[in-house]
C-alpha atoms as a PDB file:
ATOM      1  CA  MET A   1      60.400 -39.897  32.075  1.00  0.00           C
ATOM      2  CA  HIS A   2      62.847 -38.492  34.621  1.00  0.00           C
ATOM      3  CA  PHE A   3      66.138 -37.130  33.422  1.00  0.00           C
ATOM      4  CA  LYS A   4      69.175 -38.551  35.132  1.00  0.00           C
ATOM      5  CA  ASN A   5      70.516 -36.080  37.655  1.00  0.00           C
ATOM      6  CA  LYS A   6      73.973 -35.967  36.086  1.00  0.00           C
ATOM      7  CA  GLU A   7      72.586 -35.408  32.598  1.00  0.00           C
ATOM      8  CA  ILE A   8      70.271 -32.574  33.610  1.00  0.00           C
ATOM      9  CA  GLN A   9      73.078 -30.889  35.525  1.00  0.00           C
ATOM     10  CA  LEU A  10      75.352 -31.005  32.467  1.00  0.00           C
ATOM     11  CA  GLN A  11      72.537 -29.528  30.386  1.00  0.00           C
ATOM     12  CA  TYR A  12      72.027 -26.769  32.934  1.00  0.00           C
ATOM     13  CA  GLN A  13      75.730 -25.971  33.061  1.00  0.00           C
ATOM     14  CA  GLY A  14      75.812 -25.849  29.261  1.00  0.00           C
ATOM     15  CA  PHE A  15      72.898 -23.411  29.313  1.00  0.00           C
ATOM     16  CA  GLU A  16      74.578 -21.292  32.006  1.00  0.00           C
ATOM     17  CA  ASN A  17      77.825 -21.121  30.060  1.00  0.00           C
ATOM     18  CA  THR A  18      76.149 -20.062  26.813  1.00  0.00           C
ATOM     19  CA  LYS A  19      76.691 -16.340  26.280  1.00  0.00           C
ATOM     20  CA  LEU A  20      74.191 -13.596  25.500  1.00  0.00           C
ATOM     21  CA  LEU A  21      73.966 -13.059  21.738  1.00  0.00           C
ATOM     22  CA  TRP A  22      74.708  -9.350  22.063  1.00  0.00           C
ATOM     23  CA  PHE A  23      75.578  -6.882  24.785  1.00  0.00           C
ATOM     24  CA  ASN A  24      73.165  -4.326  26.199  1.00  0.00           C
ATOM     25  CA  THR A  25      70.905  -3.114  23.339  1.00  0.00           C
ATOM     26  CA  LEU A  26      70.384  -4.140  19.717  1.00  0.00           C
ATOM     27  CA  ASN A  27      67.716  -2.322  17.695  1.00  0.00           C
ATOM     28  CA  LYS A  28      65.598  -1.549  20.781  1.00  0.00           C
ATOM     29  CA  LEU A  29      66.027  -5.065  22.186  1.00  0.00           C
ATOM     30  CA  ASN A  30      67.492  -4.718  25.667  1.00  0.00           C
ATOM     31  CA  GLN A  31      69.260  -7.703  27.188  1.00  0.00           C
ATOM     32  CA  ILE A  32      68.878  -8.583  30.832  1.00  0.00           C
ATOM     33  CA  THR A  33      72.401  -8.744  32.241  1.00  0.00           C
ATOM     34  CA  ASP A  34      74.493  -9.926  35.148  1.00  0.00           C
ATOM     35  CA  ILE A  35      72.428 -12.963  36.116  1.00  0.00           C
ATOM     36  CA  GLN A  36      74.191 -14.651  39.011  1.00  0.00           C
ATOM     37  CA  ASN A  37      75.391 -18.210  38.408  1.00  0.00           C
ATOM     38  CA  ASP A  38      74.938 -20.694  41.227  1.00  0.00           C
ATOM     39  CA  TYR A  39      76.298 -24.214  40.791  1.00  0.00           C
ATOM     40  CA  THR A  40      76.296 -24.999  44.500  1.00  0.00           C
ATOM     41  CA  SER A  41      72.666 -26.101  44.643  1.00  0.00           C
ATOM     42  CA  LEU A  42      72.366 -28.072  41.408  1.00  0.00           C
ATOM     43  CA  SER A  43      71.228 -31.129  43.373  1.00  0.00           C
ATOM     44  CA  GLN A  44      67.916 -29.263  43.827  1.00  0.00           C
ATOM     45  CA  LEU A  45      67.386 -28.984  40.061  1.00  0.00           C
ATOM     46  CA  LYS A  46      64.925 -31.633  38.902  1.00  0.00           C
ATOM     47  CA  ILE A  47      63.032 -31.767  35.631  1.00  0.00           C
ATOM     48  CA  ASP A  48      60.019 -34.045  35.318  1.00  0.00           C
ATOM     49  CA  GLY A  49      58.591 -35.244  32.051  1.00  0.00           C
ATOM     50  CA  ASN A  50      60.246 -34.691  28.694  1.00  0.00           C
ATOM     51  CA  PRO A  51      59.832 -31.009  27.808  1.00  0.00           C
ATOM     52  CA  ARG A  52      60.905 -29.802  24.389  1.00  0.00           C
ATOM     53  CA  LEU A  53      64.225 -27.980  24.405  1.00  0.00           C
ATOM     54  CA  GLY A  54      62.738 -24.478  24.506  1.00  0.00           C
ATOM     55  CA  LYS A  55      60.617 -25.305  27.547  1.00  0.00           C
ATOM     56  CA  LEU A  56      63.575 -26.980  29.236  1.00  0.00           C
ATOM     57  CA  VAL A  57      65.581 -23.768  28.822  1.00  0.00           C
ATOM     58  CA  GLU A  58      62.719 -21.761  30.306  1.00  0.00           C
ATOM     59  CA  GLN A  59      62.768 -24.004  33.377  1.00  0.00           C
ATOM     60  CA  PHE A  60      66.516 -23.466  33.647  1.00  0.00           C
ATOM     61  CA  VAL A  61      65.994 -19.694  33.481  1.00  0.00           C
ATOM     62  CA  PHE A  62      63.335 -19.740  36.188  1.00  0.00           C
ATOM     63  CA  TYR A  63      65.557 -21.917  38.380  1.00  0.00           C
ATOM     64  CA  GLN A  64      68.441 -19.510  37.807  1.00  0.00           C
ATOM     65  CA  PHE A  65      66.242 -16.550  38.761  1.00  0.00           C
ATOM     66  CA  SER A  66      65.113 -18.324  41.939  1.00  0.00           C
ATOM     67  CA  LYS A  67      68.730 -18.244  43.111  1.00  0.00           C
ATOM     68  CA  ASP A  68      69.236 -14.525  42.357  1.00  0.00           C
ATOM     69  CA  GLU A  69      68.338 -12.274  45.288  1.00  0.00           C
ATOM     70  CA  ARG A  70      67.739  -9.303  42.998  1.00  0.00           C
ATOM     71  CA  ILE A  71      64.953 -11.071  41.100  1.00  0.00           C
ATOM     72  CA  GLU A  72      61.433 -11.976  42.155  1.00  0.00           C
ATOM     73  CA  ILE A  73      59.302 -13.863  39.627  1.00  0.00           C
ATOM     74  CA  ILE A  74      55.729 -12.579  39.475  1.00  0.00           C
ATOM     75  CA  THR A  75      54.368 -15.061  36.947  1.00  0.00           C
ATOM     76  CA  GLU A  76      55.613 -17.444  34.262  1.00  0.00           C
ATOM     77  CA  ASN A  77      54.104 -18.311  30.852  1.00  0.00           C
ATOM     78  CA  LEU A  78      51.107 -16.014  31.196  1.00  0.00           C
ATOM     79  CA  GLN A  79      48.518 -16.960  28.572  1.00  0.00           C
ATOM     80  CA  ILE A  80      46.681 -13.978  27.081  1.00  0.00           C
ATOM     81  CA  GLN A  81      43.235 -14.951  25.854  1.00  0.00           C
ATOM     82  CA  ASN A  82      40.374 -13.219  24.103  1.00  0.00           C
ATOM     83  CA  ASP A  83      37.083 -15.155  24.277  1.00  0.00           C
ATOM     84  CA  LYS A  84      38.925 -18.458  24.762  1.00  0.00           C
ATOM     85  CA  ILE A  85      41.213 -17.723  21.801  1.00  0.00           C
ATOM     86  CA  THR A  86      44.897 -17.437  22.760  1.00  0.00           C
ATOM     87  CA  VAL A  87      46.293 -14.068  21.671  1.00  0.00           C
ATOM     88  CA  GLY A  88      49.818 -14.870  22.855  1.00  0.00           C
ATOM     89  CA  GLU A  89      51.978 -15.649  25.848  1.00  0.00           C
ATOM     90  CA  ILE A  90      54.122 -13.501  28.121  1.00  0.00           C
ATOM     91  CA  ASP A  91      57.185 -15.591  29.004  1.00  0.00           C
ATOM     92  CA  CYS A  92      57.838 -13.941  32.345  1.00  0.00           C
ATOM     93  CA  LEU A  93      56.892 -10.985  34.498  1.00  0.00           C
ATOM     94  CA  LEU A  94      59.379 -10.288  37.267  1.00  0.00           C
ATOM     95  CA  LEU A  95      60.754  -7.697  39.612  1.00  0.00           C
ATOM     96  CA  GLU A  96      64.421  -6.862  39.079  1.00  0.00           C
ATOM     97  CA  ASN A  97      65.561  -4.761  42.026  1.00  0.00           C
ATOM     98  CA  LYS A  98      61.850  -3.923  42.529  1.00  0.00           C
ATOM     99  CA  GLN A  99      61.461  -2.749  38.900  1.00  0.00           C
ATOM    100  CA  PRO A 100      58.692  -4.603  37.002  1.00  0.00           C
ATOM    101  CA  VAL A 101      60.058  -6.285  33.868  1.00  0.00           C
ATOM    102  CA  HIS A 102      58.407  -8.094  30.971  1.00  0.00           C
ATOM    103  CA  LEU A 103      60.992 -10.648  29.839  1.00  0.00           C
ATOM    104  CA  GLU A 104      61.029 -12.802  26.708  1.00  0.00           C
ATOM    105  CA  ILE A 105      63.349 -15.825  26.829  1.00  0.00           C
ATOM    106  CA  VAL A 106      65.167 -17.074  23.724  1.00  0.00           C
ATOM    107  CA  TYR A 107      67.797 -19.788  23.203  1.00  0.00           C
ATOM    108  CA  LYS A 108      68.864 -20.488  19.631  1.00  0.00           C
ATOM    109  CA  PHE A 109      71.354 -22.384  17.467  1.00  0.00           C
ATOM    110  CA  TYR A 110      72.421 -20.410  14.398  1.00  0.00           C
ATOM    111  CA  LEU A 111      74.746 -21.106  11.476  1.00  0.00           C
ATOM    112  CA  TYR A 112      76.351 -18.378   9.360  1.00  0.00           C
ATOM    113  CA  ASP A 113      75.463 -18.232   5.674  1.00  0.00           C
ATOM    114  CA  ALA A 114      76.483 -15.004   3.932  1.00  0.00           C
ATOM    115  CA  SER A 115      74.294 -15.890   0.928  1.00  0.00           C
ATOM    116  CA  VAL A 116      71.152 -15.239   2.982  1.00  0.00           C
ATOM    117  CA  GLY A 117      69.977 -11.624   3.117  1.00  0.00           C
ATOM    118  CA  SER A 118      72.153  -8.540   3.123  1.00  0.00           C
ATOM    119  CA  SER A 119      73.182  -7.987   6.749  1.00  0.00           C
ATOM    120  CA  GLU A 120      74.827  -9.928   9.541  1.00  0.00           C
ATOM    121  CA  ILE A 121      71.482 -10.365  11.293  1.00  0.00           C
ATOM    122  CA  ASP A 122      70.140 -11.954   8.090  1.00  0.00           C
ATOM    123  CA  HIS A 123      73.121 -14.298   7.710  1.00  0.00           C
ATOM    124  CA  TRP A 124      72.557 -16.233  10.968  1.00  0.00           C
ATOM    125  CA  ILE A 125      70.083 -19.020  10.166  1.00  0.00           C
ATOM    126  CA  GLY A 126      68.792 -22.179  11.799  1.00  0.00           C
ATOM    127  CA  PRO A 127      70.543 -25.509  11.072  1.00  0.00           C
ATOM    128  CA  ASN A 128      67.714 -26.577   8.740  1.00  0.00           C
ATOM    129  CA  ARG A 129      67.214 -23.131   7.177  1.00  0.00           C
ATOM    130  CA  ASN A 130      63.670 -22.845   8.509  1.00  0.00           C
ATOM    131  CA  ASP A 131      64.310 -20.030  10.977  1.00  0.00           C
ATOM    132  CA  SER A 132      66.788 -17.200  11.423  1.00  0.00           C
ATOM    133  CA  PHE A 133      68.021 -14.483  13.737  1.00  0.00           C
ATOM    134  CA  ARG A 134      66.225 -11.952  11.517  1.00  0.00           C
ATOM    135  CA  GLN A 135      62.897 -13.730  11.903  1.00  0.00           C
ATOM    136  CA  LYS A 136      63.196 -13.945  15.691  1.00  0.00           C
ATOM    137  CA  HIS A 137      64.489 -10.366  15.950  1.00  0.00           C
ATOM    138  CA  ASP A 138      61.495  -9.039  14.001  1.00  0.00           C
ATOM    139  CA  LYS A 139      58.990 -11.242  15.846  1.00  0.00           C
ATOM    140  CA  LEU A 140      60.195  -9.915  19.199  1.00  0.00           C
ATOM    141  CA  ILE A 141      59.932  -6.290  18.085  1.00  0.00           C
ATOM    142  CA  GLN A 142      56.692  -6.551  16.120  1.00  0.00           C
ATOM    143  CA  LYS A 143      54.685  -9.149  18.058  1.00  0.00           C
ATOM    144  CA  GLN A 144      56.028 -10.560  21.317  1.00  0.00           C
ATOM    145  CA  LEU A 145      56.995  -7.348  23.119  1.00  0.00           C
ATOM    146  CA  PRO A 146      53.960  -5.327  21.911  1.00  0.00           C
ATOM    147  CA  LEU A 147      51.742  -8.037  23.434  1.00  0.00           C
ATOM    148  CA  LEU A 148      52.293  -6.321  26.787  1.00  0.00           C
ATOM    149  CA  TYR A 149      50.089  -3.435  25.619  1.00  0.00           C
ATOM    150  CA  HIS A 150      47.228  -5.550  24.244  1.00  0.00           C
ATOM    151  CA  GLU A 151      43.962  -4.749  26.022  1.00  0.00           C
ATOM    152  CA  LYS A 152      43.618  -8.342  27.201  1.00  0.00           C
ATOM    153  CA  THR A 153      47.133  -8.277  28.639  1.00  0.00           C
ATOM    154  CA  VAL A 154      46.345  -5.063  30.483  1.00  0.00           C
ATOM    155  CA  GLU A 155      43.373  -6.866  32.022  1.00  0.00           C
ATOM    156  CA  ALA A 156      45.375 -10.018  32.817  1.00  0.00           C
ATOM    157  CA  ILE A 157      48.198  -8.247  34.644  1.00  0.00           C
ATOM    158  CA  HIS A 158      45.840  -6.091  36.685  1.00  0.00           C
ATOM    159  CA  LYS A 159      45.442  -8.995  39.139  1.00  0.00           C
ATOM    160  CA  PHE A 160      49.174  -8.669  39.885  1.00  0.00           C
ATOM    161  CA  ASN A 161      48.701  -4.950  40.595  1.00  0.00           C
ATOM    162  CA  LEU A 162      50.745  -4.121  37.521  1.00  0.00           C
ATOM    163  CA  ASP A 163      50.271  -1.364  34.977  1.00  0.00           C
ATOM    164  CA  SER A 164      51.820  -1.778  31.504  1.00  0.00           C
ATOM    165  CA  LYS A 165      53.180   1.765  31.532  1.00  0.00           C
ATOM    166  CA  ASP A 166      55.312   0.973  34.614  1.00  0.00           C
ATOM    167  CA  ILE A 167      56.883  -2.151  33.104  1.00  0.00           C
ATOM    168  CA  ILE A 168      60.149  -2.119  31.186  1.00  0.00           C
ATOM    169  CA  GLN A 169      60.838  -4.758  28.539  1.00  0.00           C
ATOM    170  CA  LYS A 170      63.914  -6.940  28.148  1.00  0.00           C
ATOM    171  CA  VAL A 171      64.975 -10.151  26.484  1.00  0.00           C
ATOM    172  CA  TYR A 172      67.151 -12.974  27.719  1.00  0.00           C
ATOM    173  CA  PHE A 173      68.578 -14.056  24.361  1.00  0.00           C
ATOM    174  CA  LYS A 174      71.308 -16.677  24.386  1.00  0.00           C
ATOM    175  CA  ALA A 175      72.647 -18.512  21.355  1.00  0.00           C
ATOM    176  CA  GLN A 176      75.202 -21.009  20.172  1.00  0.00           C
ATOM    177  CA  LEU A 177      76.758 -19.920  16.876  1.00  0.00           C
ATOM    178  CA  TYR A 178      78.410 -22.044  14.203  1.00  0.00           C
ATOM    179  CA  PRO A 179      80.177 -20.414  11.238  1.00  0.00           C
ATOM    180  CA  HIS A 180      81.399 -22.626   8.409  1.00  0.00           C
ATOM    181  CA  LEU A 181      84.795 -24.173   9.127  1.00  0.00           C
ATOM    182  CA  ASN A 182      86.401 -21.646   6.747  1.00  0.00           C
ATOM    183  CA  ASP A 183      84.973 -18.758   8.819  1.00  0.00           C
ATOM    184  CA  TYR A 184      85.608 -20.323  12.217  1.00  0.00           C
ATOM    185  CA  LYS A 185      88.192 -17.685  13.246  1.00  0.00           C
ATOM    186  CA  LYS A 186      86.364 -14.766  11.645  1.00  0.00           C
ATOM    187  CA  ASP A 187      85.297 -11.813  13.788  1.00  0.00           C
ATOM    188  CA  PHE A 188      81.635 -10.829  13.525  1.00  0.00           C
ATOM    189  CA  PRO A 189      80.952  -7.176  14.428  1.00  0.00           C
ATOM    190  CA  ILE A 190      77.313  -7.260  15.608  1.00  0.00           C
ATOM    191  CA  ILE A 191      77.036 -10.411  17.701  1.00  0.00           C
ATOM    192  CA  ASN A 192      78.977 -11.525  20.761  1.00  0.00           C
ATOM    193  CA  ASN A 193      81.755 -13.680  19.317  1.00  0.00           C
ATOM    194  CA  GLU A 194      81.953 -15.645  22.571  1.00  0.00           C
ATOM    195  CA  CYS A 195      78.721 -17.332  21.399  1.00  0.00           C
ATOM    196  CA  ILE A 196      80.702 -19.248  18.755  1.00  0.00           C
ATOM    197  CA  GLU A 197      80.673 -22.845  19.994  1.00  0.00           C
ATOM    198  CA  GLY A 198      81.961 -24.672  16.925  1.00  0.00           C
ATOM    199  CA  PHE A 199      81.565 -24.831  13.174  1.00  0.00           C
ATOM    200  CA  TYR A 200      79.559 -26.521  10.434  1.00  0.00           C
ATOM    201  CA  ILE A 201      80.622 -28.464   7.365  1.00  0.00           C
ATOM    202  CA  TYR A 202      79.062 -30.269   4.419  1.00  0.00           C
ATOM    203  CA  LYS A 203      79.199 -34.032   4.199  1.00  0.00           C
ATOM    204  CA  LYS A 204      81.623 -33.854   1.271  1.00  0.00           C
ATOM    205  CA  GLU A 205      84.084 -32.102   3.631  1.00  0.00           C
ATOM    206  CA  LEU A 206      83.870 -34.835   6.256  1.00  0.00           C
ATOM    207  CA  LYS A 207      86.660 -36.976   4.753  1.00  0.00           C
ATOM    208  CA  VAL A 208      89.346 -34.876   6.432  1.00  0.00           C
ATOM    209  CA  TYR A 209      88.169 -36.379   9.725  1.00  0.00           C
ATOM    210  CA  VAL A 210      88.354 -40.023   8.659  1.00  0.00           C
ATOM    211  CA  ASN A 211      90.608 -40.794  11.643  1.00  0.00           C
ATOM    212  CA  ALA A 212      88.395 -39.003  14.150  1.00  0.00           C
ATOM    213  CA  LYS A 213      85.661 -40.308  16.440  1.00  0.00           C
ATOM    214  CA  PHE A 214      82.095 -38.984  16.560  1.00  0.00           C
ATOM    215  CA  TYR A 215      79.050 -38.806  18.785  1.00  0.00           C
ATOM    216  CA  ILE A 216      75.498 -37.646  18.008  1.00  0.00           C
ATOM    217  CA  PRO A 217      73.851 -36.230  21.161  1.00  0.00           C
ATOM    218  CA  THR A 218      70.112 -36.040  21.712  1.00  0.00           C
ATOM    219  CA  LYS A 219      68.471 -32.652  21.120  1.00  0.00           C
ATOM    220  CA  HIS A 220      68.460 -31.801  24.835  1.00  0.00           C
ATOM    221  CA  ASN A 221      72.172 -32.542  24.978  1.00  0.00           C
ATOM    222  CA  TRP A 222      72.890 -29.962  22.301  1.00  0.00           C
ATOM    223  CA  LEU A 223      73.278 -27.767  25.392  1.00  0.00           C
ATOM    224  CA  VAL A 224      76.109 -29.869  26.805  1.00  0.00           C
ATOM    225  CA  LYS A 225      79.810 -29.117  26.484  1.00  0.00           C
ATOM    226  CA  PRO A 226      81.494 -32.124  24.797  1.00  0.00           C
ATOM    227  CA  HIS A 227      83.208 -34.565  27.139  1.00  0.00           C
ATOM    228  CA  TYR A 228      84.945 -37.917  26.727  1.00  0.00           C
ATOM    229  CA  ASP A 229      82.502 -40.114  28.652  1.00  0.00           C
ATOM    230  CA  VAL A 230      80.236 -41.154  25.736  1.00  0.00           C
ATOM    231  CA  ASP A 231      80.089 -44.053  23.279  1.00  0.00           C
ATOM    232  CA  TRP A 232      82.182 -42.752  20.394  1.00  0.00           C
ATOM    233  CA  LEU A 233      81.629 -43.945  16.822  1.00  0.00           C
ATOM    234  CA  ASN A 234      84.301 -44.566  14.238  1.00  0.00           C
ATOM    235  CA  TYR A 235      84.041 -42.835  10.877  1.00  0.00           C
ATOM    236  CA  ASP A 236      82.201 -45.612   9.012  1.00  0.00           C
ATOM    237  CA  ARG A 237      79.610 -46.228  11.719  1.00  0.00           C
ATOM    238  CA  PHE A 238      79.069 -42.503  12.137  1.00  0.00           C
ATOM    239  CA  GLU A 239      78.584 -42.018   8.402  1.00  0.00           C
ATOM    240  CA  GLU A 240      75.817 -44.637   8.424  1.00  0.00           C
ATOM    241  CA  LYS A 241      73.935 -42.826  11.183  1.00  0.00           C
ATOM    242  CA  LEU A 242      74.606 -39.426   9.638  1.00  0.00           C
ATOM    243  CA  ASP A 243      73.017 -40.413   6.333  1.00  0.00           C
ATOM    244  CA  ILE A 244      69.722 -41.140   8.108  1.00  0.00           C
ATOM    245  CA  PHE A 245      69.592 -37.521   9.305  1.00  0.00           C
ATOM    246  CA  LEU A 246      70.672 -35.996   6.009  1.00  0.00           C
ATOM    247  CA  GLN A 247      68.158 -38.006   4.000  1.00  0.00           C
ATOM    248  CA  LYS A 248      65.432 -36.518   6.196  1.00  0.00           C
ATOM    249  CA  LYS A 249      66.828 -33.009   5.550  1.00  0.00           C
ATOM    250  CA  SER A 250      67.913 -32.698   9.148  1.00  0.00           C
ATOM    251  CA  SER A 251      71.271 -31.189  10.122  1.00  0.00           C
ATOM    252  CA  PRO A 252      72.515 -32.926  13.294  1.00  0.00           C
ATOM    253  CA  LEU A 253      74.749 -31.409  15.912  1.00  0.00           C
ATOM    254  CA  CYS A 254      77.661 -33.793  16.525  1.00  0.00           C
ATOM    255  CA  TRP A 255      80.682 -34.066  18.756  1.00  0.00           C
ATOM    256  CA  LEU A 256      84.005 -34.519  17.025  1.00  0.00           C
ATOM    257  CA  LYS A 257      87.033 -36.010  18.767  1.00  0.00           C
ATOM    258  CA  LYS A 258      90.181 -35.549  16.728  1.00  0.00           C
ATOM    259  CA  ALA A 259      93.002 -38.079  16.856  1.00  0.00           C
ATOM    260  CA  ASN A 260      94.917 -35.750  19.216  1.00  0.00           C
ATOM    261  CA  GLY A 261      91.970 -35.755  21.652  1.00  0.00           C
ATOM    262  CA  GLU A 262      90.633 -32.292  20.848  1.00  0.00           C
ATOM    263  CA  LEU A 263      86.842 -32.029  21.177  1.00  0.00           C
ATOM    264  CA  PHE A 264      84.565 -29.912  18.974  1.00  0.00           C
ATOM    265  CA  LYS A 265      80.863 -29.309  18.460  1.00  0.00           C
ATOM    266  CA  ILE A 266      79.946 -29.321  14.786  1.00  0.00           C
ATOM    267  CA  PHE A 267      76.874 -29.314  12.590  1.00  0.00           C
ATOM    268  CA  ILE A 268      76.872 -31.344   9.398  1.00  0.00           C
ATOM    269  CA  VAL A 269      74.306 -29.797   7.086  1.00  0.00           C
ATOM    270  CA  TRP A 270      72.067 -31.440   4.504  1.00  0.00           C
ATOM    271  CA  TRP A 271      71.801 -28.370   2.305  1.00  0.00           C
END
């Protein structure tokens, strides 16, 4: 399938406008910074097929890099294999102002649950509670970044005239964050609070929005900033569709249009 041009551009703009989850360095994880935004050539952005959301974001990142004069991509999605067994994958090798960089790309949706773990990093979890900031943080430090120094990686990057010891490592880690409605205005000390895109609620709390309108975007359109030009559902019709998700233990991202016209992104959680 081919995405409609307008839809893919809104997804790209939503990706661009999502903030980095933290500034500079967090526990040895260094963020790449100051990527130049370029909306003037979005007509050139075309996505074929129907990639899963993570792969779509990667394509957005590579497109963004192609428009940044400071960056030269060496290779993307480099498979590291040992006797036909895949050891892992390097998301991207690039030159940033001539400096070789190993970059891992991450885009996540996290909800805040203080009952999970004992630190702020522990408290940010996936909408269905099957992943977390802690899990991704540890995987990057313990597995994904060390892959650069695996003997098979050293062999694989030799063809690019690269030596692991000359390469610095960074992440490009963006996230949309959703505290519970009661914590929506709370300040979180570790993460970038500009990543907060909305809030989450439980179904039993939905009644306060009985006069609102709702929309359930597709997974790819979780990237998109809410706008008015969609087919809005009234409360009763929305509740019918919502129950299908919740019964499957799936927490959907929804758009909420209040009676006064205000637009919000919200998760309604099954747990």
